[in-house]
Amino acid sequence: MQSGLLRALRLGQFGRLPFAAAIVTGALIGAALGAAPYVISQKDREFKPAQISIKRGEVLRFVNDDGELLHHAYLSTDTFSFDSGDQQPGSKFDVTFSVPGDYTVLCGIHPKMKLAVHVAK
């Protein structure tokens, strides 16, 4: 016994446009669900991991995992920059790296904190 959807598809009861739209929508939703951010922990006055390689358009999520310390992740170059502002313990900040290159993310509060980010094309 055929399902109603399968029978309708075989009989051509779906117009081409709605069916194509459903396929495109499903592909977009699938892509969005698969694009989870890479988590960068800020704990013990360190970025963990200390280096990461990603592709252009991917997201890093900076999480302040320190119990009582503020953090302030930032990057400032001629081609790309961001500033998390002061991050309270437990807070999160997402950054989409849209420009390929090699970057060093710093903490405005803890000058020894450095994160090396390689963004591929």
C-alpha atoms as a PDB file:
ATOM      1  CA  MET A   1       0.000   0.000   0.000  1.00  0.00           C
ATOM      2  CA  GLN A   2       1.440   3.392  -1.006  1.00  0.00           C
ATOM      3  CA  SER A   3       1.463   6.432   1.248  1.00  0.00           C
ATOM      4  CA  GLY A   4      -0.623   9.384   0.105  1.00  0.00           C
ATOM      5  CA  LEU A   5       2.499  11.474  -0.586  1.00  0.00           C
ATOM      6  CA  LEU A   6       4.189   8.767  -2.623  1.00  0.00           C
ATOM      7  CA  ARG A   7       0.988   8.116  -4.601  1.00  0.00           C
ATOM      8  CA  ALA A   8       0.570  11.856  -5.284  1.00  0.00           C
ATOM      9  CA  LEU A   9       4.166  12.149  -6.447  1.00  0.00           C
ATOM     10  CA  ARG A  10       3.790   9.197  -8.821  1.00  0.00           C
ATOM     11  CA  LEU A  11       0.538  10.530 -10.185  1.00  0.00           C
ATOM     12  CA  GLY A  12       1.971  14.026 -10.666  1.00  0.00           C
ATOM     13  CA  GLN A  13      -0.582  15.691  -8.397  1.00  0.00           C
ATOM     14  CA  PHE A  14       2.009  18.089  -6.942  1.00  0.00           C
ATOM     15  CA  GLY A  15       2.852  21.062  -9.119  1.00  0.00           C
ATOM     16  CA  ARG A  16       6.528  21.490  -9.884  1.00  0.00           C
ATOM     17  CA  LEU A  17       6.896  24.797  -8.056  1.00  0.00           C
ATOM     18  CA  PRO A  18       5.574  23.721  -4.609  1.00  0.00           C
ATOM     19  CA  PHE A  19       7.560  20.493  -4.762  1.00  0.00           C
ATOM     20  CA  ALA A  20      10.776  22.350  -5.719  1.00  0.00           C
ATOM     21  CA  ALA A  21      10.139  24.888  -2.956  1.00  0.00           C
ATOM     22  CA  ALA A  22       9.782  22.068  -0.430  1.00  0.00           C
ATOM     23  CA  ILE A  23      13.091  20.548  -1.522  1.00  0.00           C
ATOM     24  CA  VAL A  24      14.909  23.908  -1.295  1.00  0.00           C
ATOM     25  CA  THR A  25      13.362  24.683   2.100  1.00  0.00           C
ATOM     26  CA  GLY A  26      14.396  21.268   3.425  1.00  0.00           C
ATOM     27  CA  ALA A  27      17.946  21.751   2.177  1.00  0.00           C
ATOM     28  CA  LEU A  28      18.193  25.172   3.813  1.00  0.00           C
ATOM     29  CA  ILE A  29      16.846  23.913   7.117  1.00  0.00           C
ATOM     30  CA  GLY A  30      19.253  20.963   7.010  1.00  0.00           C
ATOM     31  CA  ALA A  31      22.192  23.274   6.320  1.00  0.00           C
ATOM     32  CA  ALA A  32      21.193  25.583   9.151  1.00  0.00           C
ATOM     33  CA  LEU A  33      20.844  22.714  11.616  1.00  0.00           C
ATOM     34  CA  GLY A  34      24.282  21.370  10.698  1.00  0.00           C
ATOM     35  CA  ALA A  35      26.031  24.700  11.215  1.00  0.00           C
ATOM     36  CA  ALA A  36      26.593  24.587  14.965  1.00  0.00           C
ATOM     37  CA  PRO A  37      29.146  27.095  16.261  1.00  0.00           C
ATOM     38  CA  TYR A  38      32.587  26.051  17.483  1.00  0.00           C
ATOM     39  CA  VAL A  39      32.764  26.696  21.219  1.00  0.00           C
ATOM     40  CA  ILE A  40      35.722  28.645  22.596  1.00  0.00           C
ATOM     41  CA  SER A  41      35.885  28.442  26.382  1.00  0.00           C
ATOM     42  CA  GLN A  42      37.358  31.336  28.357  1.00  0.00           C
ATOM     43  CA  LYS A  43      38.562  29.817  31.619  1.00  0.00           C
ATOM     44  CA  ASP A  44      41.576  30.179  33.907  1.00  0.00           C
ATOM     45  CA  ARG A  45      42.663  33.225  31.890  1.00  0.00           C
ATOM     46  CA  GLU A  46      43.023  31.116  28.709  1.00  0.00           C
ATOM     47  CA  PHE A  47      41.124  30.527  25.490  1.00  0.00           C
ATOM     48  CA  LYS A  48      40.466  26.803  25.098  1.00  0.00           C
ATOM     49  CA  PRO A  49      41.382  25.655  22.542  1.00  0.00           C
ATOM     50  CA  ALA A  50      44.233  28.118  22.009  1.00  0.00           C
ATOM     51  CA  GLN A  51      44.073  27.731  18.225  1.00  0.00           C
ATOM     52  CA  ILE A  52      41.432  26.735  15.703  1.00  0.00           C
ATOM     53  CA  SER A  53      40.989  26.437  11.940  1.00  0.00           C
ATOM     54  CA  ILE A  54      37.585  27.161  10.426  1.00  0.00           C
ATOM     55  CA  LYS A  55      36.064  27.985   7.041  1.00  0.00           C
ATOM     56  CA  ARG A  56      34.834  31.415   6.013  1.00  0.00           C
ATOM     57  CA  GLY A  57      31.290  31.931   7.288  1.00  0.00           C
ATOM     58  CA  GLU A  58      31.628  29.600  10.266  1.00  0.00           C
ATOM     59  CA  VAL A  59      30.835  30.762  13.774  1.00  0.00           C
ATOM     60  CA  LEU A  60      32.880  30.805  16.971  1.00  0.00           C
ATOM     61  CA  ARG A  61      30.938  30.986  20.235  1.00  0.00           C
ATOM     62  CA  PHE A  62      32.938  32.574  23.054  1.00  0.00           C
ATOM     63  CA  VAL A  63      31.720  31.289  26.425  1.00  0.00           C
ATOM     64  CA  ASN A  64      32.878  32.756  29.727  1.00  0.00           C
ATOM     65  CA  ASP A  65      33.342  29.581  31.773  1.00  0.00           C
ATOM     66  CA  ASP A  66      35.045  31.345  34.682  1.00  0.00           C
ATOM     67  CA  GLY A  67      33.100  31.471  37.932  1.00  0.00           C
ATOM     68  CA  GLU A  68      33.775  35.085  38.859  1.00  0.00           C
ATOM     69  CA  LEU A  69      36.052  36.586  36.192  1.00  0.00           C
ATOM     70  CA  LEU A  70      34.974  38.936  33.432  1.00  0.00           C
ATOM     71  CA  HIS A  71      36.371  38.436  29.922  1.00  0.00           C
ATOM     72  CA  HIS A  72      36.383  40.759  26.916  1.00  0.00           C
ATOM     73  CA  ALA A  73      37.235  39.051  23.602  1.00  0.00           C
ATOM     74  CA  TYR A  74      38.099  41.321  20.704  1.00  0.00           C
ATOM     75  CA  LEU A  75      39.823  41.452  17.335  1.00  0.00           C
ATOM     76  CA  SER A  76      40.732  44.545  15.367  1.00  0.00           C
ATOM     77  CA  THR A  77      42.337  44.371  11.909  1.00  0.00           C
ATOM     78  CA  ASP A  78      41.947  46.348   8.692  1.00  0.00           C
ATOM     79  CA  THR A  79      39.785  43.595   7.183  1.00  0.00           C
ATOM     80  CA  PHE A  80      37.813  42.131  10.111  1.00  0.00           C
ATOM     81  CA  SER A  81      37.000  43.090  13.687  1.00  0.00           C
ATOM     82  CA  PHE A  82      34.635  42.355  16.558  1.00  0.00           C
ATOM     83  CA  ASP A  83      34.276  43.259  20.234  1.00  0.00           C
ATOM     84  CA  SER A  84      32.339  41.132  22.722  1.00  0.00           C
ATOM     85  CA  GLY A  85      32.228  43.834  25.358  1.00  0.00           C
ATOM     86  CA  ASP A  86      32.615  42.719  28.969  1.00  0.00           C
ATOM     87  CA  GLN A  87      31.352  39.150  29.278  1.00  0.00           C
ATOM     88  CA  GLN A  88      29.876  38.167  32.615  1.00  0.00           C
ATOM     89  CA  PRO A  89      30.475  34.604  33.886  1.00  0.00           C
ATOM     90  CA  GLY A  90      28.250  32.183  31.969  1.00  0.00           C
ATOM     91  CA  SER A  91      27.636  34.565  29.064  1.00  0.00           C
ATOM     92  CA  LYS A  92      28.066  33.677  25.380  1.00  0.00           C
ATOM     93  CA  PHE A  93      29.048  35.745  22.341  1.00  0.00           C
ATOM     94  CA  ASP A  94      28.893  34.495  18.722  1.00  0.00           C
ATOM     95  CA  VAL A  95      31.162  35.752  15.946  1.00  0.00           C
ATOM     96  CA  THR A  96      30.842  34.832  12.263  1.00  0.00           C
ATOM     97  CA  PHE A  97      34.249  34.948  10.584  1.00  0.00           C
ATOM     98  CA  SER A  98      33.415  36.237   7.104  1.00  0.00           C
ATOM     99  CA  VAL A  99      36.913  37.133   5.879  1.00  0.00           C
ATOM    100  CA  PRO A 100      39.621  34.500   5.235  1.00  0.00           C
ATOM    101  CA  GLY A 101      42.944  35.035   6.988  1.00  0.00           C
ATOM    102  CA  ASP A 102      44.966  34.429  10.133  1.00  0.00           C
ATOM    103  CA  TYR A 103      43.836  36.283  13.236  1.00  0.00           C
ATOM    104  CA  THR A 104      44.766  36.631  16.898  1.00  0.00           C
ATOM    105  CA  VAL A 105      41.828  37.153  19.242  1.00  0.00           C
ATOM    106  CA  LEU A 106      42.740  38.881  22.509  1.00  0.00           C
ATOM    107  CA  CYS A 107      41.103  39.499  25.874  1.00  0.00           C
ATOM    108  CA  GLY A 108      40.909  43.161  26.852  1.00  0.00           C
ATOM    109  CA  ILE A 109      41.072  42.249  30.544  1.00  0.00           C
ATOM    110  CA  HIS A 110      43.713  39.491  30.505  1.00  0.00           C
ATOM    111  CA  PRO A 111      46.485  40.511  28.069  1.00  0.00           C
ATOM    112  CA  LYS A 112      48.167  37.073  28.048  1.00  0.00           C
ATOM    113  CA  MET A 113      45.021  35.419  26.623  1.00  0.00           C
ATOM    114  CA  LYS A 114      45.422  34.766  22.902  1.00  0.00           C
ATOM    115  CA  LEU A 115      43.474  32.670  20.421  1.00  0.00           C
ATOM    116  CA  ALA A 116      44.933  31.925  16.978  1.00  0.00           C
ATOM    117  CA  VAL A 117      42.187  31.624  14.336  1.00  0.00           C
ATOM    118  CA  HIS A 118      42.845  30.458  10.777  1.00  0.00           C
ATOM    119  CA  VAL A 119      39.908  31.159   8.447  1.00  0.00           C
ATOM    120  CA  ALA A 120      40.099  29.276   5.127  1.00  0.00           C
ATOM    121  CA  LYS A 121      38.238  30.269   1.968  1.00  0.00           C
END
